[in-house]
């Protein structure tokens, strides 16, 4: 046997041994398909047996059932005949802190007659954060409520006297959202 024949024989033996250890391609394809089917069934089961994520609060949403506890422990009910501008933020979020600068400027330079302003912290109550900025707002926390209103930060909501959201927008649009509250007549 020549050296080239010996090498060829060894290669084919090795290939044969390796090939015999590998499952046929059809078995691999079937196994992968079975895994995909099990995953799909699992996702359907999870979605069917859970309420899923709460939707974002948006225009038309009724928040009259939402009561927020302020830093003094008093309940701040939404609706009840009092139009409200809600500022939702997270003092631990860099983006919220950048927008908070715009809010500070607006709060200092604008007349806020005809509605109250409530700041909702998406994390722990941010009373110290608001006090440092000297915002003339009521500080509350969404943490004990775990309401969908605190899902987006920084975000602004205009709530009429009946507790309906009449406008909302990113925190950069505070002036426009507040103006729509006045345009709605505070009702």
C-alpha atoms as a PDB file:
ATOM      1  CA  UNK A   1       0.000   0.000   0.000  1.00  0.00           C
ATOM      2  CA  UNK A   2       1.428   3.349  -0.966  1.00  0.00           C
ATOM      3  CA  UNK A   3       1.466   6.290   1.389  1.00  0.00           C
ATOM      4  CA  UNK A   4      -1.245   8.120  -0.551  1.00  0.00           C
ATOM      5  CA  UNK A   5      -3.508   5.054  -0.381  1.00  0.00           C
ATOM      6  CA  UNK A   6      -2.871   4.755   3.366  1.00  0.00           C
ATOM      7  CA  UNK A   7      -3.741   8.417   3.917  1.00  0.00           C
ATOM      8  CA  UNK A   8      -6.884   8.020   1.855  1.00  0.00           C
ATOM      9  CA  UNK A   9      -7.928   4.939   3.845  1.00  0.00           C
ATOM     10  CA  UNK A  10      -7.331   6.686   7.166  1.00  0.00           C
ATOM     11  CA  UNK A  11      -9.307   9.746   6.038  1.00  0.00           C
ATOM     12  CA  UNK A  12     -12.242   7.679   4.961  1.00  0.00           C
ATOM     13  CA  UNK A  13     -12.163   5.728   8.239  1.00  0.00           C
ATOM     14  CA  UNK A  14     -12.110   8.951  10.208  1.00  0.00           C
ATOM     15  CA  UNK A  15     -14.852  10.426   8.035  1.00  0.00           C
ATOM     16  CA  UNK A  16     -16.841   7.251   8.425  1.00  0.00           C
ATOM     17  CA  UNK A  17     -16.461   7.230  12.203  1.00  0.00           C
ATOM     18  CA  UNK A  18     -17.384  10.918  12.407  1.00  0.00           C
ATOM     19  CA  UNK A  19     -20.291  10.511  10.046  1.00  0.00           C
ATOM     20  CA  UNK A  20     -21.631   7.609  12.075  1.00  0.00           C
ATOM     21  CA  UNK A  21     -21.596   9.744  15.230  1.00  0.00           C
ATOM     22  CA  UNK A  22     -23.560  12.616  13.664  1.00  0.00           C
ATOM     23  CA  UNK A  23     -27.319  12.293  13.527  1.00  0.00           C
ATOM     24  CA  UNK A  24     -28.845  12.516  10.084  1.00  0.00           C
ATOM     25  CA  UNK A  25     -29.785  16.015   8.981  1.00  0.00           C
ATOM     26  CA  UNK A  26     -33.454  15.155   8.989  1.00  0.00           C
ATOM     27  CA  UNK A  27     -33.286  14.353  12.722  1.00  0.00           C
ATOM     28  CA  UNK A  28     -31.648  17.723  13.447  1.00  0.00           C
ATOM     29  CA  UNK A  29     -34.256  19.570  11.399  1.00  0.00           C
ATOM     30  CA  UNK A  30     -37.113  17.760  13.154  1.00  0.00           C
ATOM     31  CA  UNK A  31     -35.587  18.488  16.593  1.00  0.00           C
ATOM     32  CA  UNK A  32     -35.239  22.200  15.793  1.00  0.00           C
ATOM     33  CA  UNK A  33     -38.797  22.334  14.498  1.00  0.00           C
ATOM     34  CA  UNK A  34     -40.048  20.653  17.692  1.00  0.00           C
ATOM     35  CA  UNK A  35     -38.230  23.222  19.828  1.00  0.00           C
ATOM     36  CA  UNK A  36     -39.778  26.061  17.812  1.00  0.00           C
ATOM     37  CA  UNK A  37     -43.267  24.579  18.213  1.00  0.00           C
ATOM     38  CA  UNK A  38     -42.826  24.196  21.979  1.00  0.00           C
ATOM     39  CA  UNK A  39     -41.640  27.806  22.254  1.00  0.00           C
ATOM     40  CA  UNK A  40     -44.607  29.064  20.228  1.00  0.00           C
ATOM     41  CA  UNK A  41     -47.063  27.114  22.384  1.00  0.00           C
ATOM     42  CA  UNK A  42     -45.390  28.498  25.501  1.00  0.00           C
ATOM     43  CA  UNK A  43     -45.735  32.089  24.256  1.00  0.00           C
ATOM     44  CA  UNK A  44     -49.401  31.568  23.408  1.00  0.00           C
ATOM     45  CA  UNK A  45     -50.024  30.065  26.853  1.00  0.00           C
ATOM     46  CA  UNK A  46     -48.285  32.936  28.639  1.00  0.00           C
ATOM     47  CA  UNK A  47     -50.189  35.576  26.665  1.00  0.00           C
ATOM     48  CA  UNK A  48     -53.504  33.817  27.181  1.00  0.00           C
ATOM     49  CA  UNK A  49     -53.005  33.442  30.924  1.00  0.00           C
ATOM     50  CA  UNK A  50     -51.770  36.908  31.783  1.00  0.00           C
ATOM     51  CA  UNK A  51     -53.238  40.360  31.542  1.00  0.00           C
ATOM     52  CA  UNK A  52     -50.173  41.462  29.636  1.00  0.00           C
ATOM     53  CA  UNK A  53     -48.533  44.810  30.028  1.00  0.00           C
ATOM     54  CA  UNK A  54     -50.732  47.747  30.896  1.00  0.00           C
ATOM     55  CA  UNK A  55     -51.306  50.047  27.939  1.00  0.00           C
ATOM     56  CA  UNK A  56     -49.849  53.525  27.922  1.00  0.00           C
ATOM     57  CA  UNK A  57     -52.108  56.224  29.325  1.00  0.00           C
ATOM     58  CA  UNK A  58     -53.121  58.529  26.482  1.00  0.00           C
ATOM     59  CA  UNK A  59     -55.759  61.045  25.418  1.00  0.00           C
ATOM     60  CA  UNK A  60     -59.245  59.883  26.396  1.00  0.00           C
ATOM     61  CA  UNK A  61     -58.008  57.677  29.230  1.00  0.00           C
ATOM     62  CA  UNK A  62     -59.976  58.044  32.485  1.00  0.00           C
ATOM     63  CA  UNK A  63     -57.644  58.527  35.456  1.00  0.00           C
ATOM     64  CA  UNK A  64     -60.329  59.654  37.918  1.00  0.00           C
ATOM     65  CA  UNK A  65     -59.798  56.421  39.876  1.00  0.00           C
ATOM     66  CA  UNK A  66     -56.133  57.269  40.450  1.00  0.00           C
ATOM     67  CA  UNK A  67     -55.340  58.840  43.801  1.00  0.00           C
ATOM     68  CA  UNK A  68     -51.791  59.801  44.606  1.00  0.00           C
ATOM     69  CA  UNK A  69     -50.369  60.276  48.074  1.00  0.00           C
ATOM     70  CA  UNK A  70     -48.279  63.412  48.369  1.00  0.00           C
ATOM     71  CA  UNK A  71     -45.235  64.004  50.564  1.00  0.00           C
ATOM     72  CA  UNK A  72     -47.462  65.088  53.488  1.00  0.00           C
ATOM     73  CA  UNK A  73     -49.575  61.942  53.243  1.00  0.00           C
ATOM     74  CA  UNK A  74     -52.644  63.654  51.771  1.00  0.00           C
ATOM     75  CA  UNK A  75     -54.475  62.016  48.873  1.00  0.00           C
ATOM     76  CA  UNK A  76     -54.447  63.924  45.601  1.00  0.00           C
ATOM     77  CA  UNK A  77     -57.494  62.763  43.645  1.00  0.00           C
ATOM     78  CA  UNK A  78     -57.610  63.402  39.926  1.00  0.00           C
ATOM     79  CA  UNK A  79     -60.826  64.753  38.517  1.00  0.00           C
ATOM     80  CA  UNK A  80     -63.086  65.970  41.323  1.00  0.00           C
ATOM     81  CA  UNK A  81     -63.678  69.185  39.355  1.00  0.00           C
ATOM     82  CA  UNK A  82     -60.057  70.311  39.427  1.00  0.00           C
ATOM     83  CA  UNK A  83     -58.045  70.372  36.163  1.00  0.00           C
ATOM     84  CA  UNK A  84     -54.525  69.070  36.680  1.00  0.00           C
ATOM     85  CA  UNK A  85     -51.230  69.096  34.827  1.00  0.00           C
ATOM     86  CA  UNK A  86     -49.222  65.958  35.611  1.00  0.00           C
ATOM     87  CA  UNK A  87     -45.439  65.943  35.232  1.00  0.00           C
ATOM     88  CA  UNK A  88     -44.146  62.359  35.225  1.00  0.00           C
ATOM     89  CA  UNK A  89     -40.396  62.002  35.719  1.00  0.00           C
ATOM     90  CA  UNK A  90     -37.679  59.842  37.228  1.00  0.00           C
ATOM     91  CA  UNK A  91     -34.958  61.755  39.088  1.00  0.00           C
ATOM     92  CA  UNK A  92     -32.560  58.848  38.515  1.00  0.00           C
ATOM     93  CA  UNK A  93     -32.944  59.074  34.718  1.00  0.00           C
ATOM     94  CA  UNK A  94     -30.467  61.313  32.878  1.00  0.00           C
ATOM     95  CA  UNK A  95     -33.034  62.123  30.171  1.00  0.00           C
ATOM     96  CA  UNK A  96     -35.613  63.163  32.795  1.00  0.00           C
ATOM     97  CA  UNK A  97     -33.019  65.413  34.464  1.00  0.00           C
ATOM     98  CA  UNK A  98     -32.248  67.142  31.130  1.00  0.00           C
ATOM     99  CA  UNK A  99     -35.945  67.777  30.500  1.00  0.00           C
ATOM    100  CA  UNK A 100     -36.386  68.896  34.135  1.00  0.00           C
ATOM    101  CA  UNK A 101     -34.258  71.924  33.290  1.00  0.00           C
ATOM    102  CA  UNK A 102     -36.823  72.924  30.655  1.00  0.00           C
ATOM    103  CA  UNK A 103     -39.619  72.324  33.164  1.00  0.00           C
ATOM    104  CA  UNK A 104     -37.871  74.545  35.729  1.00  0.00           C
ATOM    105  CA  UNK A 105     -37.649  77.378  33.203  1.00  0.00           C
ATOM    106  CA  UNK A 106     -41.309  76.962  32.237  1.00  0.00           C
ATOM    107  CA  UNK A 107     -42.506  76.746  35.846  1.00  0.00           C
ATOM    108  CA  UNK A 108     -40.629  79.960  36.716  1.00  0.00           C
ATOM    109  CA  UNK A 109     -41.802  81.927  33.692  1.00  0.00           C
ATOM    110  CA  UNK A 110     -45.433  80.937  33.241  1.00  0.00           C
ATOM    111  CA  UNK A 111     -48.663  81.750  34.988  1.00  0.00           C
ATOM    112  CA  UNK A 112     -50.320  78.570  36.164  1.00  0.00           C
ATOM    113  CA  UNK A 113     -53.804  79.759  36.921  1.00  0.00           C
ATOM    114  CA  UNK A 114     -56.841  77.588  36.457  1.00  0.00           C
ATOM    115  CA  UNK A 115     -55.178  74.244  37.196  1.00  0.00           C
ATOM    116  CA  UNK A 116     -52.915  72.551  39.703  1.00  0.00           C
ATOM    117  CA  UNK A 117     -49.624  70.888  38.910  1.00  0.00           C
ATOM    118  CA  UNK A 118     -48.653  67.511  40.323  1.00  0.00           C
ATOM    119  CA  UNK A 119     -45.265  65.879  39.793  1.00  0.00           C
ATOM    120  CA  UNK A 120     -45.292  62.079  39.801  1.00  0.00           C
ATOM    121  CA  UNK A 121     -42.005  60.354  40.408  1.00  0.00           C
ATOM    122  CA  UNK A 122     -41.641  57.059  38.585  1.00  0.00           C
ATOM    123  CA  UNK A 123     -39.346  55.869  41.385  1.00  0.00           C
ATOM    124  CA  UNK A 124     -39.338  56.699  45.072  1.00  0.00           C
ATOM    125  CA  UNK A 125     -40.939  60.007  45.964  1.00  0.00           C
ATOM    126  CA  UNK A 126     -38.602  62.765  44.784  1.00  0.00           C
ATOM    127  CA  UNK A 127     -39.490  65.474  47.276  1.00  0.00           C
ATOM    128  CA  UNK A 128     -35.855  66.508  47.789  1.00  0.00           C
ATOM    129  CA  UNK A 129     -35.295  66.678  44.028  1.00  0.00           C
ATOM    130  CA  UNK A 130     -38.304  68.990  43.594  1.00  0.00           C
ATOM    131  CA  UNK A 131     -37.395  71.105  46.611  1.00  0.00           C
ATOM    132  CA  UNK A 132     -33.861  71.677  45.207  1.00  0.00           C
ATOM    133  CA  UNK A 133     -35.389  72.970  41.962  1.00  0.00           C
ATOM    134  CA  UNK A 134     -38.019  74.990  43.817  1.00  0.00           C
ATOM    135  CA  UNK A 135     -40.841  73.725  41.661  1.00  0.00           C
ATOM    136  CA  UNK A 136     -44.252  75.038  42.765  1.00  0.00           C
ATOM    137  CA  UNK A 137     -45.861  71.610  42.455  1.00  0.00           C
ATOM    138  CA  UNK A 138     -47.292  68.867  44.634  1.00  0.00           C
ATOM    139  CA  UNK A 139     -44.867  65.933  44.851  1.00  0.00           C
ATOM    140  CA  UNK A 140     -46.309  62.424  44.651  1.00  0.00           C
ATOM    141  CA  UNK A 141     -45.021  58.974  43.883  1.00  0.00           C
ATOM    142  CA  UNK A 142     -46.459  56.348  41.578  1.00  0.00           C
ATOM    143  CA  UNK A 143     -44.555  53.620  43.358  1.00  0.00           C
ATOM    144  CA  UNK A 144     -47.310  52.495  45.741  1.00  0.00           C
ATOM    145  CA  UNK A 145     -49.923  52.801  43.006  1.00  0.00           C
ATOM    146  CA  UNK A 146     -47.964  51.060  40.219  1.00  0.00           C
ATOM    147  CA  UNK A 147     -50.236  52.736  37.692  1.00  0.00           C
ATOM    148  CA  UNK A 148     -49.618  52.828  33.947  1.00  0.00           C
ATOM    149  CA  UNK A 149     -49.424  56.631  34.139  1.00  0.00           C
ATOM    150  CA  UNK A 150     -45.786  56.361  35.226  1.00  0.00           C
ATOM    151  CA  UNK A 151     -44.657  54.094  32.363  1.00  0.00           C
ATOM    152  CA  UNK A 152     -43.201  56.902  30.236  1.00  0.00           C
ATOM    153  CA  UNK A 153     -40.810  59.512  31.566  1.00  0.00           C
ATOM    154  CA  UNK A 154     -40.400  62.382  31.198  1.00  0.00           C
ATOM    155  CA  UNK A 155     -44.031  62.744  30.161  1.00  0.00           C
ATOM    156  CA  UNK A 156     -46.769  65.340  30.648  1.00  0.00           C
ATOM    157  CA  UNK A 157     -50.535  64.816  30.959  1.00  0.00           C
ATOM    158  CA  UNK A 158     -53.354  67.364  31.017  1.00  0.00           C
ATOM    159  CA  UNK A 159     -56.316  65.997  32.991  1.00  0.00           C
ATOM    160  CA  UNK A 160     -59.661  67.791  32.939  1.00  0.00           C
ATOM    161  CA  UNK A 161     -61.940  68.293  35.931  1.00  0.00           C
ATOM    162  CA  UNK A 162     -63.662  64.939  35.344  1.00  0.00           C
ATOM    163  CA  UNK A 163     -60.400  62.976  35.315  1.00  0.00           C
ATOM    164  CA  UNK A 164     -60.103  62.495  31.545  1.00  0.00           C
ATOM    165  CA  UNK A 165     -56.725  62.900  29.872  1.00  0.00           C
ATOM    166  CA  UNK A 166     -57.253  65.699  27.318  1.00  0.00           C
ATOM    167  CA  UNK A 167     -53.636  65.974  26.142  1.00  0.00           C
ATOM    168  CA  UNK A 168     -50.318  64.245  26.637  1.00  0.00           C
ATOM    169  CA  UNK A 169     -46.836  64.502  25.273  1.00  0.00           C
ATOM    170  CA  UNK A 170     -43.151  64.113  25.819  1.00  0.00           C
ATOM    171  CA  UNK A 171     -41.758  66.320  28.550  1.00  0.00           C
ATOM    172  CA  UNK A 172     -40.243  68.682  25.946  1.00  0.00           C
ATOM    173  CA  UNK A 173     -43.814  69.643  25.023  1.00  0.00           C
ATOM    174  CA  UNK A 174     -44.879  70.828  28.479  1.00  0.00           C
ATOM    175  CA  UNK A 175     -46.030  74.266  27.286  1.00  0.00           C
ATOM    176  CA  UNK A 176     -48.190  72.820  24.491  1.00  0.00           C
ATOM    177  CA  UNK A 177     -49.815  70.228  26.762  1.00  0.00           C
ATOM    178  CA  UNK A 178     -50.511  72.885  29.419  1.00  0.00           C
ATOM    179  CA  UNK A 179     -51.994  75.192  26.775  1.00  0.00           C
ATOM    180  CA  UNK A 180     -54.333  72.435  25.607  1.00  0.00           C
ATOM    181  CA  UNK A 181     -55.578  72.131  29.186  1.00  0.00           C
ATOM    182  CA  UNK A 182     -56.468  75.824  29.152  1.00  0.00           C
ATOM    183  CA  UNK A 183     -57.954  75.484  25.659  1.00  0.00           C
ATOM    184  CA  UNK A 184     -60.199  72.708  26.905  1.00  0.00           C
ATOM    185  CA  UNK A 185     -61.570  75.254  29.362  1.00  0.00           C
ATOM    186  CA  UNK A 186     -60.271  73.315  32.341  1.00  0.00           C
ATOM    187  CA  UNK A 187     -63.309  71.118  32.059  1.00  0.00           C
END
